[in-house]
PDB file of N, CA and C in Angstrom:
ATOM      1  N   MET A   1       0.925  -1.158   0.028  1.00  0.00           N
ATOM      2  CA  MET A   1       0.077   0.119  -0.049  1.00  0.00           C
ATOM      3  C   MET A   1       0.990   1.365   0.013  1.00  0.00           C
ATOM      4  N   ILE A   2       0.252   2.320  -0.480  1.00  0.00           N
ATOM      5  CA  ILE A   2       1.301   3.656  -0.776  1.00  0.00           C
ATOM      6  C   ILE A   2       0.620   4.668  -0.397  1.00  0.00           C
ATOM      7  N   TYR A   3       0.721   5.027   0.562  1.00  0.00           N
ATOM      8  CA  TYR A   3      -0.026   6.420   1.510  1.00  0.00           C
ATOM      9  C   TYR A   3       0.840   7.611   0.835  1.00  0.00           C
ATOM     10  N   HIS A   4       0.200   8.987   0.810  1.00  0.00           N
ATOM     11  CA  HIS A   4       0.723  10.095   0.429  1.00  0.00           C
ATOM     12  C   HIS A   4      -0.287  10.973   0.773  1.00  0.00           C
ATOM     13  N   SER A   5       0.109  12.194   1.215  1.00  0.00           N
ATOM     14  CA  SER A   5      -0.359  13.535   1.602  1.00  0.00           C
ATOM     15  C   SER A   5       0.251  14.434   0.957  1.00  0.00           C
ATOM     16  N   HIS A   6      -0.543  15.348   0.299  1.00  0.00           N
ATOM     17  CA  HIS A   6       0.179  16.685  -0.013  1.00  0.00           C
ATOM     18  C   HIS A   6      -0.769  17.883  -0.396  1.00  0.00           C
ATOM     19  N   ASP A   7      -0.131  19.211  -0.045  1.00  0.00           N
ATOM     20  CA  ASP A   7      -0.945  20.283   0.160  1.00  0.00           C
ATOM     21  C   ASP A   7      -1.312  20.934  -1.133  1.00  0.00           C
ATOM     22  N   HIS A   8      -1.968  21.379  -1.407  1.00  0.00           N
ATOM     23  CA  HIS A   8      -1.984  22.345  -2.518  1.00  0.00           C
ATOM     24  C   HIS A   8      -3.162  23.364  -2.415  1.00  0.00           C
ATOM     25  N   GLU A   9      -3.029  24.999  -3.083  1.00  0.00           N
ATOM     26  CA  GLU A   9      -4.060  25.632  -3.025  1.00  0.00           C
ATOM     27  C   GLU A   9      -5.133  25.202  -4.128  1.00  0.00           C
ATOM     28  N   HIS A  10      -6.141  25.442  -3.216  1.00  0.00           N
ATOM     29  CA  HIS A  10      -7.870  25.267  -3.993  1.00  0.00           C
ATOM     30  C   HIS A  10      -8.129  26.353  -4.713  1.00  0.00           C
ATOM     31  N   GLY A  11      -7.854  26.460  -5.855  1.00  0.00           N
ATOM     32  CA  GLY A  11      -7.852  27.386  -6.786  1.00  0.00           C
ATOM     33  C   GLY A  11      -9.393  28.062  -6.887  1.00  0.00           C
ATOM     34  N   HIS A  12     -10.598  27.250  -6.843  1.00  0.00           N
ATOM     35  CA  HIS A  12     -11.699  27.792  -6.987  1.00  0.00           C
ATOM     36  C   HIS A  12     -12.559  28.978  -5.965  1.00  0.00           C
ATOM     37  N   HIS A  13     -12.996  29.897  -6.573  1.00  0.00           N
ATOM     38  CA  HIS A  13     -13.585  30.921  -5.770  1.00  0.00           C
ATOM     39  C   HIS A  13     -15.270  30.600  -5.475  1.00  0.00           C
ATOM     40  N   HIS A  14     -15.401  29.938  -4.449  1.00  0.00           N
ATOM     41  CA  HIS A  14     -16.700  29.477  -4.162  1.00  0.00           C
ATOM     42  C   HIS A  14     -16.774  29.029  -2.776  1.00  0.00           C
ATOM     43  N   HIS A  15     -17.867  29.300  -1.996  1.00  0.00           N
ATOM     44  CA  HIS A  15     -18.126  28.852  -0.341  1.00  0.00           C
ATOM     45  C   HIS A  15     -18.372  27.533  -0.314  1.00  0.00           C
ATOM     46  N   HIS A  16     -17.729  26.922   0.654  1.00  0.00           N
ATOM     47  CA  HIS A  16     -18.316  25.609   1.351  1.00  0.00           C
ATOM     48  C   HIS A  16     -18.764  26.156   2.740  1.00  0.00           C
ATOM     49  N   HIS A  17     -19.379  24.913   2.887  1.00  0.00           N
ATOM     50  CA  HIS A  17     -20.119  24.937   4.396  1.00  0.00           C
ATOM     51  C   HIS A  17     -19.296  24.684   5.349  1.00  0.00           C
ATOM     52  N   GLY A  18     -19.262  24.958   6.829  1.00  0.00           N
ATOM     53  CA  GLY A  18     -18.135  25.055   7.689  1.00  0.00           C
ATOM     54  C   GLY A  18     -17.435  25.992   7.736  1.00  0.00           C
ATOM     55  N   GLY A  19     -17.404  27.165   6.924  1.00  0.00           N
ATOM     56  CA  GLY A  19     -17.017  28.540   7.384  1.00  0.00           C
ATOM     57  C   GLY A  19     -15.588  28.552   6.420  1.00  0.00           C
ATOM     58  N   HIS A  20     -15.112  27.546   5.638  1.00  0.00           N
ATOM     59  CA  HIS A  20     -13.904  27.610   5.373  1.00  0.00           C
ATOM     60  C   HIS A  20     -13.534  28.452   3.963  1.00  0.00           C
ATOM     61  N   ASP A  21     -12.922  29.253   3.891  1.00  0.00           N
ATOM     62  CA  ASP A  21     -12.318  30.010   2.898  1.00  0.00           C
ATOM     63  C   ASP A  21     -11.927  29.382   2.053  1.00  0.00           C
ATOM     64  N   ALA A  22     -12.362  29.195   0.645  1.00  0.00           N
ATOM     65  CA  ALA A  22     -11.752  28.731  -0.653  1.00  0.00           C
ATOM     66  C   ALA A  22     -10.656  29.273  -0.977  1.00  0.00           C
ATOM     67  N   ASP A  23      -9.846  29.988  -0.242  1.00  0.00           N
ATOM     68  CA  ASP A  23      -8.158  30.211  -0.593  1.00  0.00           C
ATOM     69  C   ASP A  23      -7.874  29.475   0.422  1.00  0.00           C
ATOM     70  N   GLU A  24      -8.201  28.591   1.331  1.00  0.00           N
ATOM     71  CA  GLU A  24      -7.140  28.162   2.080  1.00  0.00           C
ATOM     72  C   GLU A  24      -6.496  26.683   1.508  1.00  0.00           C
ATOM     73  N   VAL A  25      -5.759  26.339   1.899  1.00  0.00           N
ATOM     74  CA  VAL A  25      -4.901  24.725   1.498  1.00  0.00           C
ATOM     75  C   VAL A  25      -5.611  23.641   1.852  1.00  0.00           C
ATOM     76  N   PHE A  26      -5.867  23.063   0.967  1.00  0.00           N
ATOM     77  CA  PHE A  26      -6.566  21.625   0.948  1.00  0.00           C
ATOM     78  C   PHE A  26      -5.348  20.528   0.728  1.00  0.00           C
ATOM     79  N   GLN A  27      -5.889  19.515   1.520  1.00  0.00           N
ATOM     80  CA  GLN A  27      -4.591  18.711   1.245  1.00  0.00           C
ATOM     81  C   GLN A  27      -5.567  17.210   0.671  1.00  0.00           C
ATOM     82  N   SER A  28      -4.676  16.186   0.157  1.00  0.00           N
ATOM     83  CA  SER A  28      -5.394  14.724  -0.267  1.00  0.00           C
ATOM     84  C   SER A  28      -4.445  13.951   0.651  1.00  0.00           C
ATOM     85  N   TRP A  29      -5.450  12.572   0.562  1.00  0.00           N
ATOM     86  CA  TRP A  29      -4.796  11.451   1.428  1.00  0.00           C
ATOM     87  C   TRP A  29      -5.128  10.537   0.299  1.00  0.00           C
ATOM     88  N   GLY A  30      -4.345   9.416  -0.029  1.00  0.00           N
ATOM     89  CA  GLY A  30      -4.425   8.337  -1.173  1.00  0.00           C
ATOM     90  C   GLY A  30      -3.922   7.227  -0.599  1.00  0.00           C
ATOM     91  N   ALA A  31      -4.571   5.807  -0.999  1.00  0.00           N
ATOM     92  CA  ALA A  31      -4.187   4.770  -0.827  1.00  0.00           C
ATOM     93  C   ALA A  31      -4.465   3.833  -1.735  1.00  0.00           C
ATOM     94  N   GLU A  32      -3.677   3.213  -2.017  1.00  0.00           N
ATOM     95  CA  GLU A  32      -3.742   1.724  -3.116  1.00  0.00           C
ATOM     96  C   GLU A  32      -3.849   0.726  -2.392  1.00  0.00           C
ATOM     97  N   SER A  33      -4.926  -0.446  -2.818  1.00  0.00           N
ATOM     98  CA  SER A  33      -5.019  -1.604  -2.070  1.00  0.00           C
ATOM     99  C   SER A  33      -6.026  -2.461  -2.914  1.00  0.00           C
ATOM    100  N   PRO A  34      -5.632  -3.978  -2.810  1.00  0.00           N
ATOM    101  CA  PRO A  34      -6.220  -4.687  -3.540  1.00  0.00           C
ATOM    102  C   PRO A  34      -7.742  -5.051  -2.787  1.00  0.00           C
ATOM    103  N   ARG A  35      -7.729  -4.422  -1.547  1.00  0.00           N
ATOM    104  CA  ARG A  35      -8.781  -4.983  -0.976  1.00  0.00           C
ATOM    105  C   ARG A  35     -10.322  -5.150  -1.292  1.00  0.00           C
ATOM    106  N   THR A  36     -11.311  -5.848  -1.409  1.00  0.00           N
ATOM    107  CA  THR A  36     -12.348  -5.623  -1.819  1.00  0.00           C
ATOM    108  C   THR A  36     -13.454  -5.450  -0.834  1.00  0.00           C
ATOM    109  N   TYR A  37     -14.621  -4.494  -1.457  1.00  0.00           N
ATOM    110  CA  TYR A  37     -15.462  -4.038  -0.813  1.00  0.00           C
ATOM    111  C   TYR A  37     -17.021  -4.399  -1.779  1.00  0.00           C
ATOM    112  N   THR A  38     -18.051  -4.183  -0.863  1.00  0.00           N
ATOM    113  CA  THR A  38     -19.593  -4.535  -1.707  1.00  0.00           C
ATOM    114  C   THR A  38     -19.613  -2.932  -1.692  1.00  0.00           C
ATOM    115  N   ASP A  39     -20.998  -2.794  -2.427  1.00  0.00           N
ATOM    116  CA  ASP A  39     -21.525  -1.289  -2.570  1.00  0.00           C
ATOM    117  C   ASP A  39     -21.903  -0.717  -1.263  1.00  0.00           C
ATOM    118  N   GLU A  40     -22.364  -1.842  -0.878  1.00  0.00           N
ATOM    119  CA  GLU A  40     -23.034  -1.098   0.863  1.00  0.00           C
ATOM    120  C   GLU A  40     -22.005  -0.580   1.666  1.00  0.00           C
ATOM    121  N   GLU A  41     -21.101  -1.636   1.642  1.00  0.00           N
ATOM    122  CA  GLU A  41     -19.551  -1.181   2.795  1.00  0.00           C
ATOM    123  C   GLU A  41     -19.526   0.744   1.981  1.00  0.00           C
ATOM    124  N   ILE A  42     -19.064   0.642   0.707  1.00  0.00           N
ATOM    125  CA  ILE A  42     -18.622   1.756   0.350  1.00  0.00           C
ATOM    126  C   ILE A  42     -19.527   3.203   0.473  1.00  0.00           C
ATOM    127  N   ALA A  43     -20.632   2.720   0.259  1.00  0.00           N
ATOM    128  CA  ALA A  43     -21.947   3.551   0.312  1.00  0.00           C
ATOM    129  C   ALA A  43     -22.094   3.980   1.740  1.00  0.00           C
ATOM    130  N   GLY A  44     -21.672   3.107   2.743  1.00  0.00           N
ATOM    131  CA  GLY A  44     -21.745   3.666   4.067  1.00  0.00           C
ATOM    132  C   GLY A  44     -20.572   4.322   4.513  1.00  0.00           C
ATOM    133  N   ILE A  45     -19.277   3.875   3.943  1.00  0.00           N
ATOM    134  CA  ILE A  45     -18.009   4.805   4.155  1.00  0.00           C
ATOM    135  C   ILE A  45     -18.124   6.213   4.061  1.00  0.00           C
ATOM    136  N   LEU A  46     -18.829   6.254   2.636  1.00  0.00           N
ATOM    137  CA  LEU A  46     -18.837   7.514   1.933  1.00  0.00           C
ATOM    138  C   LEU A  46     -20.173   8.471   2.905  1.00  0.00           C
ATOM    139  N   LYS A  47     -21.118   7.951   3.311  1.00  0.00           N
ATOM    140  CA  LYS A  47     -22.286   8.347   3.949  1.00  0.00           C
ATOM    141  C   LYS A  47     -21.727   9.273   5.314  1.00  0.00           C
ATOM    142  N   ILE A  48     -20.448   8.226   5.842  1.00  0.00           N
ATOM    143  CA  ILE A  48     -20.034   8.730   7.272  1.00  0.00           C
ATOM    144  C   ILE A  48     -19.109   9.847   6.855  1.00  0.00           C
ATOM    145  N   LEU A  49     -17.964   9.780   5.969  1.00  0.00           N
ATOM    146  CA  LEU A  49     -17.340  10.840   5.264  1.00  0.00           C
ATOM    147  C   LEU A  49     -18.403  11.846   5.394  1.00  0.00           C
ATOM    148  N   SER A  50     -19.256  11.914   4.458  1.00  0.00           N
ATOM    149  CA  SER A  50     -19.749  13.266   4.027  1.00  0.00           C
ATOM    150  C   SER A  50     -20.622  13.880   5.235  1.00  0.00           C
ATOM    151  N   GLU A  51     -21.328  13.013   6.314  1.00  0.00           N
ATOM    152  CA  GLU A  51     -21.819  13.500   7.346  1.00  0.00           C
ATOM    153  C   GLU A  51     -21.079  13.858   8.350  1.00  0.00           C
ATOM    154  N   SER A  52     -19.807  13.691   8.449  1.00  0.00           N
ATOM    155  CA  SER A  52     -19.155  13.886   9.507  1.00  0.00           C
ATOM    156  C   SER A  52     -18.736  15.288  10.274  1.00  0.00           C
ATOM    157  N   THR A  53     -17.974  15.061  11.304  1.00  0.00           N
ATOM    158  CA  THR A  53     -17.704  16.594  11.775  1.00  0.00           C
ATOM    159  C   THR A  53     -16.312  16.528  11.419  1.00  0.00           C
ATOM    160  N   GLU A  54     -15.811  17.929  11.440  1.00  0.00           N
ATOM    161  CA  GLU A  54     -14.540  18.084  11.158  1.00  0.00           C
ATOM    162  C   GLU A  54     -13.560  17.487  12.544  1.00  0.00           C
ATOM    163  N   GLU A  55     -13.972  17.466  13.708  1.00  0.00           N
ATOM    164  CA  GLU A  55     -13.273  16.810  14.742  1.00  0.00           C
ATOM    165  C   GLU A  55     -13.373  15.338  14.586  1.00  0.00           C
ATOM    166  N   GLU A  56     -14.196  14.811  13.902  1.00  0.00           N
ATOM    167  CA  GLU A  56     -13.972  13.441  13.474  1.00  0.00           C
ATOM    168  C   GLU A  56     -12.721  12.620  12.245  1.00  0.00           C
ATOM    169  N   TYR A  57     -13.080  13.600  11.285  1.00  0.00           N
ATOM    170  CA  TYR A  57     -12.434  12.820  10.117  1.00  0.00           C
ATOM    171  C   TYR A  57     -11.422  14.336   9.653  1.00  0.00           C
ATOM    172  N   GLY A  58     -11.950  15.601   9.813  1.00  0.00           N
ATOM    173  CA  GLY A  58     -11.281  16.704   9.443  1.00  0.00           C
ATOM    174  C   GLY A  58     -12.328  16.989   8.254  1.00  0.00           C
ATOM    175  N   PHE A  59     -11.962  18.239   7.805  1.00  0.00           N
ATOM    176  CA  PHE A  59     -13.212  18.687   6.802  1.00  0.00           C
ATOM    177  C   PHE A  59     -12.872  18.166   5.354  1.00  0.00           C
ATOM    178  N   ILE A  60     -14.080  17.408   4.970  1.00  0.00           N
ATOM    179  CA  ILE A  60     -13.960  16.387   3.894  1.00  0.00           C
ATOM    180  C   ILE A  60     -14.518  17.259   2.711  1.00  0.00           C
ATOM    181  N   LEU A  61     -14.016  17.859   1.609  1.00  0.00           N
ATOM    182  CA  LEU A  61     -14.288  18.301   0.574  1.00  0.00           C
ATOM    183  C   LEU A  61     -14.920  17.257  -0.567  1.00  0.00           C
ATOM    184  N   ARG A  62     -14.167  15.884  -0.693  1.00  0.00           N
ATOM    185  CA  ARG A  62     -14.433  15.188  -1.723  1.00  0.00           C
ATOM    186  C   ARG A  62     -13.781  13.699  -1.613  1.00  0.00           C
ATOM    187  N   SER A  63     -14.299  12.744  -1.985  1.00  0.00           N
ATOM    188  CA  SER A  63     -13.695  11.138  -2.010  1.00  0.00           C
ATOM    189  C   SER A  63     -13.890  10.919  -3.218  1.00  0.00           C
ATOM    190  N   LYS A  64     -12.828  10.345  -3.914  1.00  0.00           N
ATOM    191  CA  LYS A  64     -13.305   9.334  -5.370  1.00  0.00           C
ATOM    192  C   LYS A  64     -12.561   8.269  -5.413  1.00  0.00           C
ATOM    193  N   GLY A  65     -12.733   7.469  -6.244  1.00  0.00           N
ATOM    194  CA  GLY A  65     -11.917   5.901  -6.170  1.00  0.00           C
ATOM    195  C   GLY A  65     -12.379   5.151  -7.130  1.00  0.00           C
ATOM    196  N   MET A  66     -11.602   3.827  -6.923  1.00  0.00           N
ATOM    197  CA  MET A  66     -12.013   2.572  -7.671  1.00  0.00           C
ATOM    198  C   MET A  66     -11.577   1.617  -6.864  1.00  0.00           C
ATOM    199  N   VAL A  67     -12.328   0.675  -6.424  1.00  0.00           N
ATOM    200  CA  VAL A  67     -11.849  -0.257  -5.889  1.00  0.00           C
ATOM    201  C   VAL A  67     -12.676  -1.673  -6.249  1.00  0.00           C
ATOM    202  N   PRO A  68     -11.904  -3.019  -6.075  1.00  0.00           N
ATOM    203  CA  PRO A  68     -12.417  -4.247  -6.516  1.00  0.00           C
ATOM    204  C   PRO A  68     -13.892  -4.333  -5.907  1.00  0.00           C
ATOM    205  N   ARG A  69     -14.778  -5.049  -6.224  1.00  0.00           N
ATOM    206  CA  ARG A  69     -16.042  -5.295  -5.590  1.00  0.00           C
ATOM    207  C   ARG A  69     -15.880  -6.807  -4.995  1.00  0.00           C
ATOM    208  N   THR A  70     -16.338  -7.419  -4.135  1.00  0.00           N
ATOM    209  CA  THR A  70     -16.229  -8.943  -3.982  1.00  0.00           C
ATOM    210  C   THR A  70     -16.575  -9.589  -4.883  1.00  0.00           C
ATOM    211  N   ASP A  71     -17.552  -9.228  -5.891  1.00  0.00           N
ATOM    212  CA  ASP A  71     -17.917 -10.437  -7.003  1.00  0.00           C
ATOM    213  C   ASP A  71     -17.070 -10.239  -8.118  1.00  0.00           C
ATOM    214  N   GLY A  72     -15.778  -9.277  -8.107  1.00  0.00           N
ATOM    215  CA  GLY A  72     -14.654  -9.499  -9.279  1.00  0.00           C
ATOM    216  C   GLY A  72     -15.356  -8.249 -10.378  1.00  0.00           C
ATOM    217  N   THR A  73     -16.243  -7.623 -10.237  1.00  0.00           N
ATOM    218  CA  THR A  73     -16.247  -6.243 -10.845  1.00  0.00           C
ATOM    219  C   THR A  73     -15.589  -5.146  -9.839  1.00  0.00           C
ATOM    220  N   TRP A  74     -15.743  -3.926 -10.462  1.00  0.00           N
ATOM    221  CA  TRP A  74     -15.353  -2.551 -10.002  1.00  0.00           C
ATOM    222  C   TRP A  74     -16.028  -1.692  -9.478  1.00  0.00           C
ATOM    223  N   ILE A  75     -16.004  -1.304  -8.427  1.00  0.00           N
ATOM    224  CA  ILE A  75     -16.767  -0.120  -7.953  1.00  0.00           C
ATOM    225  C   ILE A  75     -16.106   1.265  -8.305  1.00  0.00           C
ATOM    226  N   HIS A  76     -16.728   2.386  -8.929  1.00  0.00           N
ATOM    227  CA  HIS A  76     -16.117   3.570  -8.849  1.00  0.00           C
ATOM    228  C   HIS A  76     -16.889   4.617  -8.180  1.00  0.00           C
ATOM    229  N   PHE A  77     -16.131   5.261  -7.409  1.00  0.00           N
ATOM    230  CA  PHE A  77     -17.069   6.117  -6.483  1.00  0.00           C
ATOM    231  C   PHE A  77     -16.780   7.728  -6.672  1.00  0.00           C
ATOM    232  N   ASP A  78     -17.620   8.596  -6.249  1.00  0.00           N
ATOM    233  CA  ASP A  78     -17.334  10.001  -6.388  1.00  0.00           C
ATOM    234  C   ASP A  78     -18.101  10.439  -5.272  1.00  0.00           C
ATOM    235  N   MET A  79     -17.951  11.215  -4.446  1.00  0.00           N
ATOM    236  CA  MET A  79     -18.540  11.761  -3.241  1.00  0.00           C
ATOM    237  C   MET A  79     -17.989  13.153  -3.024  1.00  0.00           C
ATOM    238  N   VAL A  80     -19.249  14.103  -3.062  1.00  0.00           N
ATOM    239  CA  VAL A  80     -18.891  15.682  -2.360  1.00  0.00           C
ATOM    240  C   VAL A  80     -20.142  15.716  -1.655  1.00  0.00           C
ATOM    241  N   PRO A  81     -19.928  16.538  -0.698  1.00  0.00           N
ATOM    242  CA  PRO A  81     -20.856  16.770   0.782  1.00  0.00           C
ATOM    243  C   PRO A  81     -22.573  16.814   0.200  1.00  0.00           C
ATOM    244  N   GLU A  82     -23.473  15.717   0.361  1.00  0.00           N
ATOM    245  CA  GLU A  82     -24.555  15.945   0.019  1.00  0.00           C
ATOM    246  C   GLU A  82     -24.870  15.047  -1.240  1.00  0.00           C
ATOM    247  N   GLU A  83     -23.863  14.771  -2.006  1.00  0.00           N
ATOM    248  CA  GLU A  83     -23.998  13.998  -3.545  1.00  0.00           C
ATOM    249  C   GLU A  83     -23.060  12.740  -3.647  1.00  0.00           C
ATOM    250  N   THR A  84     -23.308  11.612  -3.534  1.00  0.00           N
ATOM    251  CA  THR A  84     -22.802  10.446  -3.937  1.00  0.00           C
ATOM    252  C   THR A  84     -22.843   9.611  -5.356  1.00  0.00           C
ATOM    253  N   GLU A  85     -21.767   9.190  -5.898  1.00  0.00           N
ATOM    254  CA  GLU A  85     -22.205   8.329  -7.209  1.00  0.00           C
ATOM    255  C   GLU A  85     -21.480   7.233  -7.055  1.00  0.00           C
ATOM    256  N   ILE A  86     -21.805   6.007  -7.058  1.00  0.00           N
ATOM    257  CA  ILE A  86     -21.481   4.736  -7.320  1.00  0.00           C
ATOM    258  C   ILE A  86     -21.990   3.862  -8.396  1.00  0.00           C
ATOM    259  N   ARG A  87     -20.670   3.412  -8.797  1.00  0.00           N
ATOM    260  CA  ARG A  87     -21.134   2.616 -10.293  1.00  0.00           C
ATOM    261  C   ARG A  87     -20.247   1.872 -10.580  1.00  0.00           C
ATOM    262  N   THR A  88     -20.955   0.754 -11.315  1.00  0.00           N
ATOM    263  CA  THR A  88     -19.410  -0.423 -11.686  1.00  0.00           C
ATOM    264  C   THR A  88     -18.402   0.198 -13.092  1.00  0.00           C
ATOM    265  N   GLY A  89     -17.485   0.211 -13.155  1.00  0.00           N
ATOM    266  CA  GLY A  89     -16.540   0.991 -13.678  1.00  0.00           C
ATOM    267  C   GLY A  89     -15.486  -0.280 -14.473  1.00  0.00           C
ATOM    268  N   ALA A  90     -14.347   0.350 -14.952  1.00  0.00           N
ATOM    269  CA  ALA A  90     -13.293  -0.544 -15.500  1.00  0.00           C
ATOM    270  C   ALA A  90     -12.561  -1.276 -14.719  1.00  0.00           C
ATOM    271  N   ALA A  91     -11.854  -2.170 -14.688  1.00  0.00           N
ATOM    272  CA  ALA A  91     -10.876  -2.960 -14.096  1.00  0.00           C
ATOM    273  C   ALA A  91      -9.635  -1.969 -13.760  1.00  0.00           C
ATOM    274  N   ASP A  92      -9.161  -1.948 -12.809  1.00  0.00           N
ATOM    275  CA  ASP A  92      -7.588  -1.615 -12.845  1.00  0.00           C
ATOM    276  C   ASP A  92      -6.717  -2.514 -12.159  1.00  0.00           C
ATOM    277  N   TYR A  93      -5.444  -2.184 -11.764  1.00  0.00           N
ATOM    278  CA  TYR A  93      -4.507  -3.296 -11.488  1.00  0.00           C
ATOM    279  C   TYR A  93      -4.790  -3.274  -9.997  1.00  0.00           C
ATOM    280  N   THR A  94      -5.448  -2.479  -8.988  1.00  0.00           N
ATOM    281  CA  THR A  94      -5.337  -2.004  -7.761  1.00  0.00           C
ATOM    282  C   THR A  94      -6.306  -0.829  -7.309  1.00  0.00           C
ATOM    283  N   GLY A  95      -6.868  -1.112  -6.425  1.00  0.00           N
ATOM    284  CA  GLY A  95      -7.645  -0.323  -6.150  1.00  0.00           C
ATOM    285  C   GLY A  95      -7.169   0.918  -5.714  1.00  0.00           C
ATOM    286  N   ARG A  96      -8.115   2.295  -5.489  1.00  0.00           N
ATOM    287  CA  ARG A  96      -7.140   3.808  -5.492  1.00  0.00           C
ATOM    288  C   ARG A  96      -8.569   4.389  -4.763  1.00  0.00           C
ATOM    289  N   ILE A  97      -8.170   5.037  -3.601  1.00  0.00           N
ATOM    290  CA  ILE A  97      -8.872   6.031  -2.857  1.00  0.00           C
ATOM    291  C   ILE A  97      -8.301   7.209  -2.502  1.00  0.00           C
ATOM    292  N   VAL A  98      -9.099   8.248  -2.641  1.00  0.00           N
ATOM    293  CA  VAL A  98      -8.326   9.500  -2.271  1.00  0.00           C
ATOM    294  C   VAL A  98      -9.668  10.287  -1.940  1.00  0.00           C
ATOM    295  N   VAL A  99      -9.310  11.106  -0.838  1.00  0.00           N
ATOM    296  CA  VAL A  99     -10.041  11.963   0.086  1.00  0.00           C
ATOM    297  C   VAL A  99      -9.293  13.463  -0.048  1.00  0.00           C
ATOM    298  N   ILE A 100     -10.060  14.061  -0.153  1.00  0.00           N
ATOM    299  CA  ILE A 100      -9.855  15.814  -0.426  1.00  0.00           C
ATOM    300  C   ILE A 100     -10.477  16.508   0.785  1.00  0.00           C
ATOM    301  N   GLY A 101      -9.409  17.307   1.397  1.00  0.00           N
ATOM    302  CA  GLY A 101     -10.423  18.049   2.449  1.00  0.00           C
ATOM    303  C   GLY A 101      -9.014  18.890   3.184  1.00  0.00           C
ATOM    304  N   ALA A 102      -9.267  19.669   4.435  1.00  0.00           N
ATOM    305  CA  ALA A 102      -8.387  19.994   5.377  1.00  0.00           C
ATOM    306  C   ALA A 102      -8.483  19.390   6.582  1.00  0.00           C
ATOM    307  N   GLY A 103      -7.430  19.726   7.157  1.00  0.00           N
ATOM    308  CA  GLY A 103      -6.964  18.860   8.539  1.00  0.00           C
ATOM    309  C   GLY A 103      -7.693  17.304   8.454  1.00  0.00           C
ATOM    310  N   LEU A 104      -7.182  16.720   7.492  1.00  0.00           N
ATOM    311  CA  LEU A 104      -7.588  15.431   7.279  1.00  0.00           C
ATOM    312  C   LEU A 104      -6.824  14.654   8.497  1.00  0.00           C
ATOM    313  N   LYS A 105      -7.953  13.899   9.186  1.00  0.00           N
ATOM    314  CA  LYS A 105      -7.529  12.723  10.480  1.00  0.00           C
ATOM    315  C   LYS A 105      -6.999  11.560   9.595  1.00  0.00           C
ATOM    316  N   GLU A 106      -6.015  11.391   9.139  1.00  0.00           N
ATOM    317  CA  GLU A 106      -5.434  10.503   8.028  1.00  0.00           C
ATOM    318  C   GLU A 106      -5.344   9.076   8.647  1.00  0.00           C
ATOM    319  N   ASP A 107      -5.283   8.918   9.806  1.00  0.00           N
ATOM    320  CA  ASP A 107      -5.259   7.409  10.505  1.00  0.00           C
ATOM    321  C   ASP A 107      -6.691   7.009  10.632  1.00  0.00           C
ATOM    322  N   LYS A 108      -7.383   7.972  10.783  1.00  0.00           N
ATOM    323  CA  LYS A 108      -9.004   7.406  10.676  1.00  0.00           C
ATOM    324  C   LYS A 108      -9.670   7.014   9.815  1.00  0.00           C
ATOM    325  N   ILE A 109      -9.316   8.137   8.529  1.00  0.00           N
ATOM    326  CA  ILE A 109      -9.748   7.622   7.198  1.00  0.00           C
ATOM    327  C   ILE A 109      -9.214   6.543   6.670  1.00  0.00           C
ATOM    328  N   GLN A 110      -8.072   6.224   7.024  1.00  0.00           N
ATOM    329  CA  GLN A 110      -7.609   4.707   6.711  1.00  0.00           C
ATOM    330  C   GLN A 110      -8.261   3.872   7.336  1.00  0.00           C
ATOM    331  N   LYS A 111      -8.441   3.957   8.712  1.00  0.00           N
ATOM    332  CA  LYS A 111      -9.325   2.578   9.359  1.00  0.00           C
ATOM    333  C   LYS A 111     -10.638   2.833   8.725  1.00  0.00           C
ATOM    334  N   LEU A 112     -11.515   3.701   8.537  1.00  0.00           N
ATOM    335  CA  LEU A 112     -12.803   4.006   8.110  1.00  0.00           C
ATOM    336  C   LEU A 112     -12.520   2.872   6.854  1.00  0.00           C
ATOM    337  N   PHE A 113     -11.674   3.034   5.630  1.00  0.00           N
ATOM    338  CA  PHE A 113     -11.635   2.160   4.232  1.00  0.00           C
ATOM    339  C   PHE A 113     -11.264   0.892   4.591  1.00  0.00           C
ATOM    340  N   GLY A 114     -10.829   0.575   6.044  1.00  0.00           N
ATOM    341  CA  GLY A 114     -10.568  -1.175   6.527  1.00  0.00           C
ATOM    342  C   GLY A 114      -9.238  -1.314   5.786  1.00  0.00           C
ATOM    343  N   LEU A 115      -8.222  -0.165   5.803  1.00  0.00           N
ATOM    344  CA  LEU A 115      -6.773  -0.333   5.364  1.00  0.00           C
ATOM    345  C   LEU A 115      -5.713  -0.584   6.468  1.00  0.00           C
TER     346      LEU A 115
END
């Protein structure tokens, strides 16, 4: 598994909930894993992230990725607060998960995805 985190300027100029200024620095957490998931597991994880408080997982702006499904097909997902899309997509050599936000609690996010 490869974990990385990096900071970057968020260049869009619009407001997000939680009182965050659009010019603040956001970060991303990413993981690669061959772990398999069910649609329900991914939906549950994304629901937790989208409804979480900053104290729980940090300020979550987006999560996206592709992971192997337990039946051998692949789940592609994309989540922004209040909107989640889960679909079947093309296979890849390993699962990839990315969470973008501010003040991310990386260890808790990693645990939430079961990694």
